[in-house]
N, C-alpha and C. Protein backbone atom coordinates (compact mmCIF):
# COMPACT_ATOMS: atom_id res chain seq x y z
N UNK A 1 90.18 298.17 86.51
CA UNK A 1 90.52 296.98 85.76
C UNK A 1 90.00 297.04 84.32
N UNK A 2 88.88 297.70 84.12
CA UNK A 2 88.34 297.83 82.77
C UNK A 2 89.30 298.62 81.90
N UNK A 3 89.97 299.61 82.54
CA UNK A 3 90.97 300.40 81.81
C UNK A 3 92.13 299.52 81.35
N UNK A 4 92.53 298.59 82.20
CA UNK A 4 93.64 297.71 81.85
C UNK A 4 93.24 296.77 80.71
N UNK A 5 92.02 296.30 80.71
CA UNK A 5 91.54 295.43 79.63
C UNK A 5 91.51 296.21 78.32
N UNK A 6 91.07 297.46 78.39
CA UNK A 6 91.03 298.32 77.19
C UNK A 6 92.46 298.56 76.69
N UNK A 7 93.39 298.77 77.62
CA UNK A 7 94.79 298.98 77.26
C UNK A 7 95.36 297.75 76.55
N UNK A 8 95.08 296.57 77.08
CA UNK A 8 95.56 295.33 76.46
C UNK A 8 94.93 295.14 75.08
N UNK A 9 93.68 295.52 74.94
CA UNK A 9 92.99 295.43 73.64
C UNK A 9 93.67 296.36 72.62
N UNK A 10 94.02 297.55 73.05
CA UNK A 10 94.69 298.51 72.16
C UNK A 10 96.08 298.02 71.76
N UNK A 11 96.77 297.41 72.70
CA UNK A 11 98.09 296.83 72.39
C UNK A 11 97.93 295.70 71.38
N UNK A 12 96.90 294.89 71.54
CA UNK A 12 96.63 293.81 70.60
C UNK A 12 96.37 294.35 69.20
N UNK A 13 95.62 295.43 69.11
CA UNK A 13 95.36 296.07 67.82
C UNK A 13 96.65 296.55 67.18
N UNK A 14 97.54 297.13 68.01
CA UNK A 14 98.83 297.61 67.50
C UNK A 14 99.66 296.45 66.97
N UNK A 15 99.68 295.34 67.69
CA UNK A 15 100.44 294.17 67.23
C UNK A 15 99.88 293.63 65.91
N UNK A 16 98.57 293.65 65.78
CA UNK A 16 97.94 293.19 64.54
C UNK A 16 98.34 294.09 63.37
N UNK A 17 98.36 295.39 63.60
CA UNK A 17 98.77 296.34 62.56
C UNK A 17 100.23 296.10 62.16
N UNK A 18 101.07 295.83 63.15
CA UNK A 18 102.49 295.57 62.86
C UNK A 18 102.64 294.30 62.02
N UNK A 19 101.86 293.27 62.33
CA UNK A 19 101.91 292.03 61.55
C UNK A 19 101.45 292.27 60.12
N UNK A 20 100.38 293.07 59.99
CA UNK A 20 99.88 293.39 58.65
C UNK A 20 100.94 294.13 57.84
N UNK A 21 101.61 295.07 58.49
CA UNK A 21 102.65 295.84 57.81
C UNK A 21 103.77 294.93 57.33
N UNK A 22 104.18 294.00 58.16
CA UNK A 22 105.23 293.05 57.77
C UNK A 22 104.77 292.20 56.58
N UNK A 23 103.50 291.81 56.60
CA UNK A 23 102.96 291.00 55.50
C UNK A 23 103.00 291.80 54.20
N UNK A 24 102.63 293.08 54.26
CA UNK A 24 102.66 293.92 53.07
C UNK A 24 104.09 294.13 52.57
N UNK A 25 105.02 294.32 53.49
CA UNK A 25 106.42 294.49 53.08
C UNK A 25 106.93 293.23 52.38
N UNK A 26 106.58 292.08 52.93
CA UNK A 26 106.99 290.82 52.33
C UNK A 26 106.38 290.66 50.93
N UNK A 27 105.11 291.01 50.82
CA UNK A 27 104.42 290.92 49.53
C UNK A 27 105.06 291.85 48.51
N UNK A 28 105.38 293.06 48.95
CA UNK A 28 106.00 294.02 48.03
C UNK A 28 107.37 293.51 47.57
N UNK A 29 108.13 292.94 48.49
CA UNK A 29 109.45 292.42 48.14
C UNK A 29 109.33 291.30 47.11
N UNK A 30 108.35 290.42 47.30
CA UNK A 30 108.14 289.33 46.34
C UNK A 30 107.76 289.88 44.97
N UNK A 31 106.89 290.89 44.95
CA UNK A 31 106.47 291.48 43.67
C UNK A 31 107.63 292.21 42.99
N UNK A 32 108.49 292.83 43.78
CA UNK A 32 109.66 293.50 43.20
C UNK A 32 110.56 292.49 42.51
N UNK A 33 110.70 291.31 43.11
CA UNK A 33 111.50 290.25 42.48
C UNK A 33 110.85 289.79 41.18
N UNK A 34 109.52 289.61 41.20
CA UNK A 34 108.80 289.21 39.99
C UNK A 34 108.91 290.28 38.91
N UNK A 35 108.87 291.54 39.32
CA UNK A 35 108.99 292.65 38.38
C UNK A 35 110.36 292.64 37.72
N UNK A 36 111.40 292.46 38.50
CA UNK A 36 112.76 292.41 37.97
C UNK A 36 112.92 291.25 36.99
N UNK A 37 112.38 290.11 37.38
CA UNK A 37 112.46 288.92 36.51
C UNK A 37 111.73 289.18 35.19
N UNK A 38 110.55 289.76 35.26
CA UNK A 38 109.76 290.02 34.05
C UNK A 38 110.44 291.07 33.17
N UNK A 39 111.06 292.05 33.78
CA UNK A 39 111.80 293.05 33.01
C UNK A 39 112.98 292.41 32.28
N UNK A 40 113.64 291.47 32.95
CA UNK A 40 114.75 290.77 32.30
C UNK A 40 114.25 289.94 31.12
N UNK A 41 113.11 289.29 31.28
CA UNK A 41 112.53 288.50 30.19
C UNK A 41 112.17 289.43 29.03
N UNK A 42 111.56 290.57 29.35
CA UNK A 42 111.19 291.54 28.30
C UNK A 42 112.44 292.01 27.55
N UNK A 43 113.51 292.30 28.28
CA UNK A 43 114.75 292.75 27.63
C UNK A 43 115.29 291.68 26.70
N UNK A 44 115.22 290.44 27.10
CA UNK A 44 115.69 289.34 26.25
C UNK A 44 114.80 289.20 25.02
N UNK A 45 113.50 289.31 25.21
CA UNK A 45 112.58 289.20 24.06
C UNK A 45 112.79 290.35 23.08
N UNK A 46 113.11 291.54 23.60
CA UNK A 46 113.34 292.70 22.74
C UNK A 46 114.60 292.53 21.89
N UNK A 47 115.53 291.72 22.36
CA UNK A 47 116.77 291.49 21.62
C UNK A 47 116.61 290.48 20.49
N UNK A 48 115.53 289.73 20.51
CA UNK A 48 115.33 288.66 19.54
C UNK A 48 114.85 289.19 18.19
N UNK A 49 115.26 288.48 17.15
CA UNK A 49 114.79 288.78 15.80
C UNK A 49 113.38 288.22 15.64
N UNK A 50 112.67 288.71 14.65
CA UNK A 50 111.28 288.28 14.43
C UNK A 50 111.17 286.80 14.07
N UNK A 51 112.25 286.21 13.56
CA UNK A 51 112.20 284.79 13.19
C UNK A 51 112.75 283.87 14.29
N UNK A 52 113.04 284.44 15.46
CA UNK A 52 113.55 283.64 16.59
C UNK A 52 112.45 282.74 17.14
N UNK A 53 112.88 281.60 17.66
CA UNK A 53 111.95 280.66 18.26
C UNK A 53 111.88 280.92 19.76
N UNK A 54 110.64 280.97 20.24
CA UNK A 54 110.40 281.21 21.66
C UNK A 54 109.58 280.06 22.20
N UNK A 55 109.95 279.62 23.40
CA UNK A 55 109.22 278.53 24.04
C UNK A 55 108.74 278.97 25.41
N UNK A 56 107.57 278.47 25.76
CA UNK A 56 106.98 278.79 27.05
C UNK A 56 106.88 277.50 27.85
N UNK A 57 107.27 277.57 29.11
CA UNK A 57 107.20 276.41 29.98
C UNK A 57 105.78 276.27 30.52
N UNK A 58 105.14 275.19 30.19
CA UNK A 58 103.78 274.90 30.67
C UNK A 58 103.84 273.57 31.39
N UNK A 59 103.90 273.65 32.72
CA UNK A 59 104.09 272.43 33.50
C UNK A 59 105.47 271.87 33.19
N UNK A 60 105.57 270.59 32.87
CA UNK A 60 106.87 270.00 32.55
C UNK A 60 107.24 270.08 31.06
N UNK A 61 106.42 270.78 30.26
CA UNK A 61 106.59 270.77 28.81
C UNK A 61 106.92 272.17 28.29
N UNK A 62 107.83 272.24 27.32
CA UNK A 62 108.10 273.49 26.62
C UNK A 62 107.22 273.54 25.38
N UNK A 63 106.44 274.60 25.24
CA UNK A 63 105.53 274.76 24.12
C UNK A 63 105.99 275.96 23.30
N UNK A 64 106.05 275.77 22.00
CA UNK A 64 106.47 276.88 21.14
C UNK A 64 105.42 277.97 21.18
N UNK A 65 105.90 279.23 21.20
CA UNK A 65 105.00 280.37 21.28
C UNK A 65 105.46 281.43 20.29
N UNK A 66 104.51 282.13 19.74
CA UNK A 66 104.80 283.23 18.83
C UNK A 66 105.53 284.33 19.60
N UNK A 67 106.55 284.94 18.99
CA UNK A 67 107.34 285.98 19.65
C UNK A 67 106.49 287.16 20.07
N UNK A 68 105.60 287.61 19.20
CA UNK A 68 104.75 288.75 19.54
C UNK A 68 103.79 288.41 20.67
N UNK A 69 103.30 287.20 20.68
CA UNK A 69 102.42 286.76 21.77
C UNK A 69 103.20 286.73 23.09
N UNK A 70 104.44 286.27 23.04
CA UNK A 70 105.28 286.24 24.24
C UNK A 70 105.54 287.66 24.74
N UNK A 71 105.85 288.57 23.82
CA UNK A 71 106.08 289.96 24.21
C UNK A 71 104.83 290.57 24.84
N UNK A 72 103.68 290.31 24.24
CA UNK A 72 102.41 290.82 24.74
C UNK A 72 102.12 290.27 26.15
N UNK A 73 102.36 289.00 26.32
CA UNK A 73 102.13 288.37 27.63
C UNK A 73 103.01 288.98 28.70
N UNK A 74 104.26 289.18 28.37
CA UNK A 74 105.20 289.77 29.34
C UNK A 74 104.81 291.21 29.64
N UNK A 75 104.39 291.96 28.62
CA UNK A 75 103.95 293.35 28.83
C UNK A 75 102.77 293.39 29.79
N UNK A 76 101.80 292.51 29.57
CA UNK A 76 100.62 292.46 30.44
C UNK A 76 101.02 292.08 31.86
N UNK A 77 101.95 291.15 31.99
CA UNK A 77 102.42 290.73 33.30
C UNK A 77 103.10 291.91 34.01
N UNK A 78 103.91 292.67 33.27
CA UNK A 78 104.57 293.84 33.85
C UNK A 78 103.54 294.87 34.34
N UNK A 79 102.53 295.13 33.54
CA UNK A 79 101.48 296.08 33.93
C UNK A 79 100.76 295.60 35.19
N UNK A 80 100.46 294.30 35.23
CA UNK A 80 99.77 293.74 36.38
C UNK A 80 100.62 293.87 37.64
N UNK A 81 101.88 293.49 37.55
CA UNK A 81 102.77 293.55 38.71
C UNK A 81 102.93 294.98 39.19
N UNK A 82 103.10 295.91 38.25
CA UNK A 82 103.25 297.31 38.64
C UNK A 82 102.00 297.84 39.34
N UNK A 83 100.83 297.44 38.86
CA UNK A 83 99.59 297.89 39.52
C UNK A 83 99.45 297.25 40.90
N UNK A 84 99.87 296.01 41.03
CA UNK A 84 99.83 295.34 42.34
C UNK A 84 100.80 296.01 43.32
N UNK A 85 101.96 296.40 42.83
CA UNK A 85 102.92 297.09 43.69
C UNK A 85 102.33 298.41 44.18
N UNK A 86 101.66 299.13 43.30
CA UNK A 86 101.01 300.39 43.70
C UNK A 86 99.94 300.13 44.75
N UNK A 87 99.18 299.07 44.57
CA UNK A 87 98.13 298.73 45.53
C UNK A 87 98.73 298.40 46.89
N UNK A 88 99.80 297.62 46.88
CA UNK A 88 100.45 297.24 48.14
C UNK A 88 101.09 298.47 48.80
N UNK A 89 101.68 299.35 47.98
CA UNK A 89 102.26 300.58 48.53
C UNK A 89 101.18 301.42 49.23
N UNK A 90 100.01 301.49 48.63
CA UNK A 90 98.90 302.23 49.25
C UNK A 90 98.50 301.56 50.56
N UNK A 91 98.48 300.25 50.58
CA UNK A 91 98.15 299.52 51.81
C UNK A 91 99.20 299.75 52.88
N UNK A 92 100.46 299.77 52.48
CA UNK A 92 101.55 300.02 53.44
C UNK A 92 101.40 301.42 54.03
N UNK A 93 101.12 302.40 53.18
CA UNK A 93 100.94 303.77 53.66
C UNK A 93 99.79 303.84 54.65
N UNK A 94 98.69 303.17 54.31
CA UNK A 94 97.51 303.17 55.17
C UNK A 94 97.80 302.51 56.52
N UNK A 95 98.44 301.33 56.48
CA UNK A 95 98.71 300.61 57.73
C UNK A 95 99.75 301.36 58.56
N UNK A 96 100.70 302.04 57.92
CA UNK A 96 101.66 302.85 58.66
C UNK A 96 100.95 303.99 59.40
N UNK A 97 100.03 304.64 58.72
CA UNK A 97 99.27 305.73 59.34
C UNK A 97 98.47 305.21 60.53
N UNK A 98 97.76 304.09 60.32
CA UNK A 98 96.97 303.51 61.40
C UNK A 98 97.85 303.06 62.56
N UNK A 99 99.03 302.53 62.22
CA UNK A 99 99.95 302.06 63.24
C UNK A 99 100.46 303.22 64.10
N UNK A 100 100.78 304.33 63.46
CA UNK A 100 101.24 305.51 64.20
C UNK A 100 100.13 306.02 65.12
N UNK A 101 98.91 306.09 64.59
CA UNK A 101 97.78 306.53 65.40
C UNK A 101 97.56 305.60 66.59
N UNK A 102 97.65 304.30 66.34
CA UNK A 102 97.43 303.32 67.41
C UNK A 102 98.55 303.40 68.44
N UNK A 103 99.78 303.57 67.98
CA UNK A 103 100.92 303.69 68.88
C UNK A 103 100.75 304.91 69.78
N UNK A 104 100.30 306.02 69.19
CA UNK A 104 100.05 307.24 69.98
C UNK A 104 98.96 307.00 71.02
N UNK A 105 97.93 306.30 70.61
CA UNK A 105 96.82 306.00 71.52
C UNK A 105 97.32 305.17 72.71
N UNK A 106 98.12 304.15 72.43
CA UNK A 106 98.67 303.28 73.47
C UNK A 106 99.58 304.09 74.39
N UNK A 107 100.41 304.93 73.80
CA UNK A 107 101.33 305.74 74.62
C UNK A 107 100.56 306.71 75.51
N UNK A 108 99.49 307.31 75.01
CA UNK A 108 98.68 308.22 75.81
C UNK A 108 98.01 307.48 76.97
N UNK A 109 97.55 306.27 76.70
CA UNK A 109 96.94 305.47 77.77
C UNK A 109 98.00 305.12 78.82
N UNK A 110 99.18 304.79 78.35
CA UNK A 110 100.27 304.45 79.26
C UNK A 110 100.64 305.64 80.13
N UNK A 111 100.70 306.82 79.53
CA UNK A 111 100.99 308.04 80.30
C UNK A 111 99.91 308.30 81.34
N UNK A 112 98.66 308.07 80.96
CA UNK A 112 97.55 308.27 81.90
C UNK A 112 97.68 307.31 83.08
N UNK A 113 98.05 306.06 82.81
CA UNK A 113 98.26 305.09 83.90
C UNK A 113 99.40 305.54 84.81
N UNK A 114 100.47 306.03 84.21
CA UNK A 114 101.61 306.49 85.00
C UNK A 114 101.22 307.68 85.87
N UNK A 115 100.42 308.60 85.31
CA UNK A 115 99.98 309.76 86.09
C UNK A 115 99.10 309.32 87.25
N UNK A 116 98.23 308.36 86.99
CA UNK A 116 97.35 307.85 88.05
C UNK A 116 98.18 307.19 89.15
N UNK A 117 99.20 306.44 88.77
CA UNK A 117 100.05 305.78 89.75
C UNK A 117 100.83 306.81 90.57
N UNK A 118 101.33 307.84 89.91
CA UNK A 118 102.06 308.90 90.60
C UNK A 118 101.15 309.62 91.59
N UNK A 119 99.93 309.92 91.16
CA UNK A 119 98.97 310.60 92.05
C UNK A 119 98.63 309.72 93.24
N UNK A 120 98.47 308.44 93.01
CA UNK A 120 98.16 307.52 94.11
C UNK A 120 99.31 307.47 95.10
N UNK A 121 100.54 307.46 94.59
CA UNK A 121 101.71 307.46 95.48
C UNK A 121 101.78 308.76 96.27
N UNK A 122 101.50 309.88 95.63
CA UNK A 122 101.54 311.17 96.32
C UNK A 122 100.47 311.22 97.40
N UNK A 123 99.29 310.72 97.10
CA UNK A 123 98.21 310.72 98.09
C UNK A 123 98.57 309.82 99.26
N UNK A 124 99.18 308.69 98.98
CA UNK A 124 99.58 307.77 100.03
C UNK A 124 100.67 308.42 100.91
N UNK A 125 101.57 309.16 100.27
CA UNK A 125 102.64 309.82 101.02
C UNK A 125 102.08 310.93 101.89
N UNK A 126 101.04 311.63 101.43
CA UNK A 126 100.43 312.72 102.19
C UNK A 126 99.68 312.20 103.41
N UNK A 127 99.13 310.99 103.33
CA UNK A 127 98.39 310.41 104.44
C UNK A 127 99.30 309.98 105.56
N UNK A 128 100.57 309.77 105.28
CA UNK A 128 101.51 309.31 106.31
C UNK A 128 101.84 310.37 107.25
């Protein structure tokens, strides 16, 4: 019975890893959308003349902002998002590796249980 409890614990660990992986995928997808949006903003800012008026939404109010300051802000946001995507990608790689290892561990335990059951059946058949 202790083996079965250990098996259930290992399955629980695998499920946790799968949930973590889904969370990372969702996070990466959200950051990809933010990255695309920020790239579009940067492209629009790059098309503007130096005397163009730029406004930034702060809560419910539009506040005038210097064009160069807006470009700088968007550049920094792009750098931040790209670094976050790299961090999440590393986490996804790590959790995938751990998930594969855990899946193998669970499968090996399952095979061991099956072998034990087969041996028990063979022994029972021999006693008859």
